[in-house]
Protein backbone atom coordinates (compact mmCIF):
# COMPACT_ATOMS: atom_id res chain seq x y z
CA MET A 1 3.31 -0.09 -1.11
CA SER A 2 -0.11 -1.49 -2.22
CA GLU A 3 -3.05 -0.78 0.19
CA SER A 4 -0.76 1.64 1.98
CA THR A 5 -0.79 5.29 3.04
CA ARG A 6 1.77 7.58 1.46
CA ILE A 7 4.23 9.02 3.98
CA PRO A 8 5.50 12.58 3.40
CA HIS A 9 9.25 12.94 3.44
CA THR A 10 12.10 15.06 2.17
CA LEU A 11 13.80 13.31 -0.74
CA ALA A 12 17.42 13.90 -1.64
CA THR A 13 17.65 12.02 -4.91
CA ASP A 14 21.33 12.59 -5.62
CA ALA A 15 22.57 12.51 -2.04
CA PRO A 16 25.00 9.82 -0.93
CA ALA A 17 23.47 7.02 1.09
CA PRO A 18 23.27 8.07 4.76
CA VAL A 19 24.00 5.86 7.73
CA ALA A 20 21.63 2.91 7.79
CA LEU A 21 18.79 2.65 10.25
CA GLY A 22 19.17 0.69 13.44
CA THR A 23 18.61 -3.05 13.54
CA PRO A 24 14.92 -3.92 13.37
CA SER A 25 13.53 -6.10 16.12
CA HIS A 26 12.47 -9.69 15.51
CA GLY A 27 9.01 -9.81 14.00
CA THR A 28 9.18 -6.44 12.21
CA PRO A 29 6.99 -6.54 9.07
CA LEU A 30 8.84 -6.84 5.76
CA TYR A 31 7.90 -5.13 2.48
CA VAL A 32 9.62 -6.04 -0.80
CA HIS A 33 9.26 -3.64 -3.73
CA LEU A 34 9.49 -5.21 -7.18
CA PRO A 35 9.45 -2.22 -9.54
CA PHE A 36 8.59 -3.90 -12.83
CA CYS A 37 5.19 -3.49 -14.52
CA ALA A 38 3.78 -4.48 -17.88
CA ALA A 39 3.04 -0.76 -18.39
CA LYS A 40 3.06 2.42 -16.32
CA CYS A 41 -0.45 3.36 -15.20
CA HIS A 42 -1.34 6.97 -15.90
CA TYR A 43 -2.54 7.67 -12.33
CA CYS A 44 0.28 5.90 -10.46
CA ASP A 45 2.98 7.75 -8.52
CA PHE A 46 4.62 4.69 -6.97
CA PHE A 47 8.06 3.93 -8.33
CA SER A 48 7.83 1.44 -11.21
CA VAL A 49 9.30 0.91 -14.65
CA PRO A 50 7.65 -0.87 -17.58
CA LEU A 51 8.93 -4.13 -18.98
CA GLU A 52 8.31 -5.09 -22.55
CA ARG A 53 6.80 -8.50 -23.23
CA GLY A 54 9.36 -11.22 -22.64
CA GLU A 55 11.67 -9.16 -20.46
CA ALA A 56 10.72 -10.95 -17.23
CA SER A 57 12.40 -14.07 -18.57
CA GLY A 58 15.69 -12.23 -18.94
CA SER A 59 15.81 -12.27 -22.74
CA ALA A 60 18.74 -10.71 -24.55
CA SER A 61 16.59 -7.73 -25.55
CA SER A 62 15.65 -6.90 -21.95
CA ARG A 63 16.24 -3.34 -20.86
CA TRP A 64 16.20 -4.38 -17.21
CA ASP A 65 17.90 -7.36 -15.61
CA VAL A 66 15.12 -8.80 -13.45
CA ASP A 67 17.33 -11.62 -12.15
CA GLY A 68 19.96 -9.07 -11.19
CA MET A 69 17.33 -7.04 -9.33
CA ILE A 70 16.32 -10.13 -7.35
CA GLU A 71 19.93 -10.75 -6.36
CA ALA A 72 20.31 -7.11 -5.31
CA ILE A 73 17.19 -7.32 -3.13
CA LEU A 74 18.55 -10.47 -1.50
CA ALA A 75 21.91 -8.75 -0.94
CA GLU A 76 20.11 -5.84 0.72
CA ALA A 77 18.10 -8.31 2.78
CA ARG A 78 21.25 -9.86 4.17
CA VAL A 79 22.20 -6.46 5.61
CA ARG A 80 18.86 -4.91 6.54
CA ALA A 81 15.99 -7.41 6.63
CA PRO A 82 14.31 -8.21 9.95
CA ARG A 83 14.48 -11.72 11.32
CA ALA A 84 11.24 -13.65 11.75
CA PRO A 85 8.94 -10.99 10.21
CA ARG A 86 5.34 -11.38 11.29
CA THR A 87 4.00 -10.18 7.92
CA VAL A 88 5.52 -10.08 4.43
CA PHE A 89 4.15 -8.07 1.49
CA LEU A 90 5.40 -8.29 -2.10
CA GLY A 91 4.41 -5.07 -3.83
CA GLY A 92 5.44 -2.92 -6.71
CA GLY A 93 5.25 -2.80 -9.55
CA THR A 94 3.73 -6.15 -10.33
CA PRO A 95 5.24 -9.13 -8.50
CA SER A 96 3.13 -11.56 -10.53
CA LEU A 97 5.01 -10.42 -13.63
CA LEU A 98 8.02 -12.43 -12.45
CA THR A 99 8.41 -16.00 -13.66
CA VAL A 100 7.88 -18.91 -11.29
CA ALA A 101 11.65 -19.49 -11.24
CA GLN A 102 12.28 -15.86 -10.31
CA LEU A 103 9.62 -15.90 -7.58
CA THR A 104 11.15 -19.11 -6.24
CA ARG A 105 14.63 -17.58 -6.10
CA LEU A 106 13.33 -14.46 -4.37
CA LEU A 107 11.14 -16.17 -1.79
CA ASP A 108 13.56 -18.99 -1.02
CA GLY A 109 16.37 -16.46 -0.68
CA LEU A 110 14.33 -14.26 1.66
CA ASP A 111 13.46 -17.29 3.76
CA GLU A 112 17.13 -18.20 4.10
CA VAL A 113 17.83 -14.72 5.45
CA THR A 114 14.74 -14.03 7.56
CA GLY A 115 12.99 -17.34 8.24
CA TRP A 116 9.69 -15.80 7.16
CA ARG A 117 8.05 -19.12 6.31
CA ALA A 118 8.18 -20.14 9.97
CA SER A 119 7.24 -16.73 11.39
CA ALA A 120 4.85 -14.83 9.14
CA THR A 121 1.15 -15.07 9.93
CA GLU A 122 0.26 -13.16 6.75
CA VAL A 123 2.05 -13.15 3.39
CA SER A 124 0.64 -11.16 0.47
CA ALA A 125 1.52 -10.43 -3.14
CA GLU A 126 0.14 -7.88 -5.57
CA CYS A 127 -0.98 -9.30 -8.90
CA ASN A 128 -2.33 -7.88 -12.11
CA PRO A 129 -4.76 -9.79 -14.33
CA GLU A 130 -2.46 -9.98 -17.35
CA SER A 131 0.18 -11.90 -15.39
CA LEU A 132 -1.89 -14.13 -13.12
CA ASP A 133 -3.05 -17.52 -14.28
CA ARG A 134 -3.77 -20.76 -12.44
CA ASP A 135 -0.18 -21.98 -12.61
CA LYS A 136 1.23 -18.70 -11.25
CA ALA A 137 -1.33 -18.59 -8.46
CA ARG A 138 -0.62 -22.21 -7.55
CA ALA A 139 3.11 -21.52 -7.55
CA LEU A 140 2.67 -18.58 -5.20
CA LEU A 141 0.60 -20.75 -2.87
CA ASP A 142 3.21 -23.49 -2.92
CA LEU A 143 5.94 -20.92 -2.20
CA GLY A 144 4.10 -19.76 0.91
CA VAL A 145 2.04 -16.79 -0.36
CA PRO A 146 -1.62 -17.48 0.46
CA ARG A 147 -3.00 -13.93 0.06
CA LEU A 148 -3.22 -12.33 -3.38
CA SER A 149 -4.37 -8.83 -4.27
CA ILE A 150 -5.66 -8.48 -7.84
CA GLY A 151 -5.79 -5.06 -9.48
CA PHE A 152 -9.10 -4.97 -11.35
CA GLN A 153 -9.29 -1.15 -10.98
CA SER A 154 -12.30 -0.82 -13.32
CA LEU A 155 -14.98 -2.90 -15.00
CA ASP A 156 -15.00 -0.73 -18.10
CA ASP A 157 -12.54 -1.49 -20.90
CA ALA A 158 -12.47 2.13 -22.09
CA THR A 159 -11.57 3.25 -18.56
CA LEU A 160 -8.83 0.63 -18.34
CA ALA A 161 -7.38 2.04 -21.56
CA LEU A 162 -7.60 5.55 -20.11
CA PHE A 163 -5.73 4.31 -17.04
CA GLY A 164 -2.99 2.83 -19.21
CA ARG A 165 -3.78 -0.71 -18.08
CA VAL A 166 -2.92 -3.57 -20.44
CA HIS A 167 -5.62 -6.00 -19.33
CA SER A 168 -9.32 -6.21 -20.09
CA VAL A 169 -12.33 -6.64 -17.84
CA ALA A 170 -12.55 -10.25 -19.01
CA ASP A 171 -8.91 -10.75 -17.98
CA SER A 172 -9.73 -9.55 -14.46
CA PHE A 173 -12.52 -12.06 -13.96
CA ALA A 174 -10.39 -14.81 -15.51
CA ALA A 175 -7.53 -14.03 -13.09
CA PHE A 176 -9.87 -14.16 -10.10
CA ASP A 177 -11.33 -17.48 -11.26
CA ALA A 178 -7.81 -18.85 -11.90
CA ALA A 179 -6.72 -17.94 -8.37
CA ARG A 180 -9.74 -19.65 -6.89
CA ALA A 181 -9.17 -22.71 -9.08
CA ALA A 182 -5.59 -22.83 -7.81
CA GLY A 183 -6.86 -22.96 -4.24
CA VAL A 184 -6.30 -19.36 -3.12
CA GLN A 185 -8.66 -18.66 -0.22
CA HIS A 186 -7.58 -15.11 0.63
CA LEU A 187 -8.27 -12.76 -2.26
CA ASN A 188 -8.38 -8.98 -2.38
CA VAL A 189 -9.70 -6.97 -5.32
CA ASP A 190 -8.53 -3.40 -5.95
CA LEU A 191 -11.00 -0.96 -7.52
CA ILE A 192 -10.95 2.78 -8.24
CA TYR A 193 -14.01 5.03 -8.26
CA ALA A 194 -14.84 8.68 -8.96
CA ILE A 195 -13.42 8.23 -12.45
CA PRO A 196 -14.11 11.07 -14.93
CA GLY A 197 -17.49 10.44 -16.51
CA GLN A 198 -18.48 7.70 -14.07
CA GLY A 199 -21.88 7.98 -12.42
CA ALA A 200 -22.88 6.72 -8.99
CA ALA A 201 -25.15 4.11 -10.55
CA ASP A 202 -22.28 2.87 -12.75
CA TRP A 203 -20.07 2.44 -9.70
CA ALA A 204 -22.75 0.65 -7.68
CA ARG A 205 -23.36 -1.77 -10.55
CA ASP A 206 -19.68 -2.56 -11.01
CA LEU A 207 -19.06 -2.93 -7.28
CA ALA A 208 -21.97 -5.34 -6.99
CA ARG A 209 -20.49 -7.46 -9.79
CA VAL A 210 -17.16 -7.70 -7.97
CA LEU A 211 -18.76 -8.45 -4.60
CA ALA A 212 -20.73 -11.27 -6.25
CA LEU A 213 -17.37 -13.02 -6.78
CA GLY A 214 -17.05 -13.36 -3.00
CA PRO A 215 -13.62 -11.77 -2.33
CA GLU A 216 -12.45 -11.89 1.27
CA HIS A 217 -11.15 -8.31 1.03
CA LEU A 218 -11.93 -5.30 -1.14
CA SER A 219 -9.94 -2.08 -1.54
CA ALA A 220 -11.94 0.76 -3.09
CA TYR A 221 -9.97 3.93 -3.67
CA ASN A 222 -11.26 7.34 -4.65
CA LEU A 223 -9.26 8.42 -7.72
CA THR A 224 -6.60 10.96 -6.82
CA PHE A 225 -4.51 13.09 -9.14
CA GLU A 226 -0.98 12.74 -7.80
CA GLU A 227 1.85 15.08 -8.73
CA ASP A 228 4.22 13.92 -11.48
CA THR A 229 1.63 11.60 -13.05
CA ARG A 230 0.11 11.75 -16.51
CA PHE A 231 -3.34 12.09 -14.96
CA LYS A 232 -2.30 15.21 -13.04
CA ARG A 233 -0.89 16.76 -16.20
CA TRP A 234 -4.09 15.98 -18.06
CA LEU A 235 -6.12 17.50 -15.22
CA ASP A 236 -4.04 20.68 -15.34
CA GLN A 237 -4.46 20.80 -19.11
CA GLY A 238 -8.23 20.44 -18.86
CA ARG A 239 -8.24 17.04 -20.57
CA LEU A 240 -9.68 15.39 -17.45
CA ALA A 241 -12.07 16.67 -14.80
CA ARG A 242 -12.58 15.58 -11.22
CA ALA A 243 -15.85 13.89 -10.37
CA PRO A 244 -18.32 16.31 -8.72
CA GLU A 245 -18.17 16.20 -4.93
CA GLU A 246 -21.79 15.13 -4.62
CA VAL A 247 -21.12 12.17 -6.92
CA GLU A 248 -18.08 11.16 -4.87
CA LEU A 249 -20.21 11.24 -1.72
CA GLU A 250 -22.87 9.06 -3.37
CA MET A 251 -20.18 6.58 -4.37
CA LEU A 252 -18.71 6.50 -0.88
CA ALA A 253 -22.15 5.83 0.61
CA ALA A 254 -22.83 3.09 -1.95
CA THR A 255 -19.46 1.50 -1.19
CA ARG A 256 -20.18 1.34 2.52
CA ALA A 257 -23.68 -0.02 2.02
CA LEU A 258 -22.84 -2.66 -0.59
CA THR A 259 -19.71 -3.97 1.12
CA ALA A 260 -21.51 -4.21 4.46
CA GLY A 261 -24.34 -6.05 2.78
CA ALA A 262 -21.82 -8.52 1.37
CA GLY A 263 -20.32 -9.15 4.81
CA LEU A 264 -17.20 -7.00 4.37
CA ALA A 265 -16.78 -4.48 7.16
CA ALA A 266 -15.07 -1.13 6.51
CA TYR A 267 -12.10 -1.41 8.85
CA GLU A 268 -10.28 1.48 7.16
CA VAL A 269 -11.40 4.40 5.01
CA SER A 270 -10.83 2.52 1.74
CA ASN A 271 -10.57 -1.11 2.86
CA HIS A 272 -13.24 -3.69 3.62
CA ALA A 273 -12.87 -7.26 4.82
CA ARG A 274 -14.65 -10.29 6.16
CA PRO A 275 -13.94 -10.92 9.87
CA GLY A 276 -10.33 -11.99 10.29
CA GLU A 277 -9.39 -11.05 6.69
CA GLU A 278 -8.13 -7.52 7.39
CA CYS A 279 -4.67 -6.85 5.92
CA ALA A 280 -2.48 -7.00 9.04
CA HIS A 281 0.53 -5.70 7.12
CA ASN A 282 -1.24 -2.48 6.20
CA VAL A 283 -2.90 -2.11 9.59
CA ASN A 284 0.64 -1.89 10.96
CA TYR A 285 1.29 1.07 8.62
CA TRP A 286 -1.84 2.86 9.83
CA GLN A 287 -0.82 2.22 13.43
CA ASN A 288 2.54 3.86 12.61
CA GLY A 289 4.41 0.68 13.49
CA ALA A 290 7.92 -0.31 12.44
CA TYR A 291 8.61 -1.95 9.09
CA VAL A 292 11.49 -2.59 6.72
CA GLY A 293 11.27 -2.05 2.97
CA LEU A 294 13.64 -3.63 0.46
CA GLY A 295 14.04 -2.74 -3.21
CA PRO A 296 14.18 0.52 -5.19
CA GLY A 297 11.80 3.15 -3.86
CA ALA A 298 10.97 1.15 -0.72
CA VAL A 299 10.51 2.99 2.59
CA SER A 300 11.45 1.74 6.07
CA LYS A 301 10.60 2.84 9.59
CA VAL A 302 12.74 1.54 12.45
CA GLY A 303 12.49 3.13 15.86
CA TYR A 304 11.70 6.81 15.35
CA ALA A 305 13.55 7.12 12.03
CA ARG A 306 12.18 6.68 8.53
CA SER A 307 14.27 6.22 5.40
CA GLY A 308 13.87 5.38 1.75
CA ASN A 309 15.79 3.80 -1.12
CA PRO A 310 16.42 5.58 -4.44
CA ARG A 311 13.43 5.76 -6.78
CA ALA A 312 15.65 4.64 -9.64
CA ILE A 313 17.05 1.31 -10.76
CA VAL A 314 20.70 2.09 -11.46
CA PRO A 315 21.49 4.05 -8.26
CA TYR A 316 19.80 1.33 -6.22
CA LEU A 317 21.81 -1.45 -7.86
CA ARG A 318 25.09 0.48 -7.58
CA ARG A 319 24.66 1.27 -3.90
CA VAL A 320 23.67 -2.25 -2.95
CA ALA A 321 26.62 -3.65 -4.91
CA ALA A 322 28.98 -1.30 -3.10
CA THR A 323 27.73 -1.54 0.48
CA GLY A 324 24.66 -3.76 0.69
CA VAL A 325 22.69 -0.63 1.66
CA ALA A 326 20.88 1.74 -0.70
CA LEU A 327 19.33 4.32 1.61
CA ASP A 328 18.80 7.61 -0.19
CA TRP A 329 17.17 9.73 2.49
CA ARG A 330 16.55 9.58 6.23
CA GLU A 331 14.46 11.62 8.61
CA GLU A 332 13.60 11.60 12.29
CA LEU A 333 10.71 13.84 13.25
CA SER A 334 10.34 15.71 16.51
CA PRO A 335 8.29 13.93 19.19
CA LEU A 336 5.19 16.08 18.64
CA ALA A 337 5.45 15.71 14.85
CA ARG A 338 5.56 11.95 15.36
CA LEU A 339 2.43 12.23 17.48
CA GLY A 340 0.67 14.20 14.75
CA GLU A 341 1.66 11.60 12.18
CA THR A 342 0.38 8.78 14.40
CA TRP A 343 -3.03 10.42 14.64
CA TRP A 344 -3.02 11.27 10.92
CA LEU A 345 -2.54 7.62 10.07
CA GLY A 346 -4.60 6.09 12.85
CA LEU A 347 -7.77 8.02 12.15
CA ARG A 348 -8.07 6.14 8.87
CA LEU A 349 -8.90 3.01 10.87
CA ALA A 350 -12.46 2.33 11.96
CA ALA A 351 -11.07 1.50 15.41
CA GLY A 352 -9.68 5.03 15.63
CA VAL A 353 -6.92 6.23 17.95
CA ALA A 354 -6.39 5.68 21.67
CA PRO A 355 -4.39 8.68 22.97
CA LEU A 356 -2.24 6.58 25.30
CA ASP A 357 -1.32 4.21 22.47
CA ALA A 358 -0.51 7.14 20.18
CA ARG A 359 1.81 8.68 22.76
CA ARG A 360 3.56 5.35 23.28
CA VAL A 361 4.11 4.83 19.55
CA ALA A 362 5.36 8.39 19.09
CA GLY A 363 7.50 8.32 22.24
CA VAL A 364 6.16 11.63 23.51
CA ASP A 365 5.26 11.08 27.17
CA ALA A 366 7.83 13.63 28.34
CA ALA A 367 6.69 16.14 25.72
CA CYS A 368 3.08 15.76 26.93
CA ALA A 369 3.78 16.22 30.64
CA THR A 370 1.42 19.20 30.78
CA GLY A 371 -1.25 17.73 28.55
CA ASP A 372 -1.70 15.95 25.24
CA PRO A 373 -1.98 18.51 22.41
CA ALA A 374 -3.38 15.86 20.06
CA VAL A 375 -6.31 15.29 22.40
CA THR A 376 -6.96 19.04 22.34
CA ILE A 377 -7.20 18.93 18.56
CA ALA A 378 -9.33 15.79 18.68
CA ASP A 379 -11.76 17.35 21.16
CA GLU A 380 -12.14 20.39 18.91
CA HIS A 381 -13.15 18.12 16.05
CA ALA A 382 -15.43 16.10 18.30
CA ALA A 383 -17.22 19.34 19.20
CA LEU A 384 -17.81 19.85 15.47
CA GLY A 385 -19.28 16.37 15.14
CA LEU A 386 -16.40 15.07 13.01
CA LEU A 387 -14.94 12.75 15.65
CA GLU A 388 -16.48 10.76 18.48
CA VAL A 389 -15.08 8.96 21.50
CA VAL A 390 -16.00 5.30 21.92
CA ASP A 391 -14.37 3.22 24.67
CA GLY A 392 -11.62 5.79 25.02
CA ARG A 393 -10.78 5.85 21.31
CA TYR A 394 -11.32 8.77 18.94
CA ARG A 395 -12.78 7.81 15.58
CA LEU A 396 -14.41 9.45 12.59
CA THR A 397 -18.16 9.96 12.66
CA ALA A 398 -20.41 9.49 9.64
CA THR A 399 -20.11 13.25 9.18
CA GLY A 400 -16.33 13.16 9.46
CA LEU A 401 -15.77 10.25 7.10
CA PRO A 402 -16.23 12.22 3.84
CA VAL A 403 -13.66 14.77 5.05
CA ALA A 404 -11.33 12.24 6.67
CA ASP A 405 -8.23 13.54 4.91
CA ALA A 406 -8.86 17.13 6.02
CA VAL A 407 -9.53 16.10 9.63
CA ALA A 408 -6.43 13.92 9.84
CA ARG A 409 -4.25 16.53 8.13
CA ARG A 410 -4.97 19.01 10.92
CA PHE A 411 -2.90 16.87 13.29
CA LEU A 412 0.05 17.04 10.90
CA GLU A 413 -0.29 20.77 10.42
CA ARG A 414 -0.61 21.72 14.09
CA LEU A 415 1.88 19.27 15.57
CA GLY A 416 4.43 19.18 12.75
CA ASP A 417 7.86 20.79 12.81
């Protein structure tokens, strides 16, 4: 899920599909995972598979049947999708890699099942520069997708090559200009910083160039070395090195200062937006709300249970063909573990966490009859100057922000099963 927080879970890759989750309520956000990319990025641990040029059109030489994947997603939607979702997010993978005809089939089919065109107040699609031109952007707008997220990632061609990207810096700017020319008024740009060899001044210069374009939203992620990625292997082999901590801190400070100066407030650790342009779909993730994910590798949360589809094409297609459901794993945490997870996610937001709201989301009122253990942990961190209480909400301080992951992880560790 683009612009999302990874959720830990226990994965049983070869297990039979368990019983499906309960029926999602009307309005539950909908995520659709389209797993096809032009190439697999070396840092990426989301499920995706590369398509060779021409495969999106369903040519005879295609390894993957993109049209068949669309039909499988629609079949799964008929069984599991929420009605009247309030947000819809097309992620992947690279949704913009699909042809206009394929996007039309997918979005029209989803509307027939869910009625999203009449209900959704926010609809987003991830795009990469190599597959976004004016015609594609205009088609997405006409199909009901007004918010596009473009993966620039870097403004250095050598870095893009290191990442395994297949576009150039010039392609990124051309894609942004094409989207604007098509009439897109809600644009996000994705960037990565703390890249090996990158200096704080380099990052500030590149960020300023992107902000000069006037995006409504900017996602700036500190490079991470995820397990089972080429980057992590290279790190372990000594072929790559992490950026020094002091450089990362300089980059974080520059990000906050430059985005604020451009009118984009930091509403989440890595996300910045003009007023009213925050990504509502992802805010729901950070608030630990319910959502339904369709497609291979997609995750869902309905009620207190979370589940995920196979991170593989063939098992996903086979299971959907057999039952309309492809769930590969399912978990339901204990009440206190759910509370810890709610704080872990919510502290990423600038608004922070209100204890009463967290208990409601986690369903732990009975478990907290003698006191809220999450508040105890929060108060300990407030005493250290890492959290503060504003209008009854706990949020990260300027001191806590650089160690946000460590602070939030304490709630998982102390309240988990």
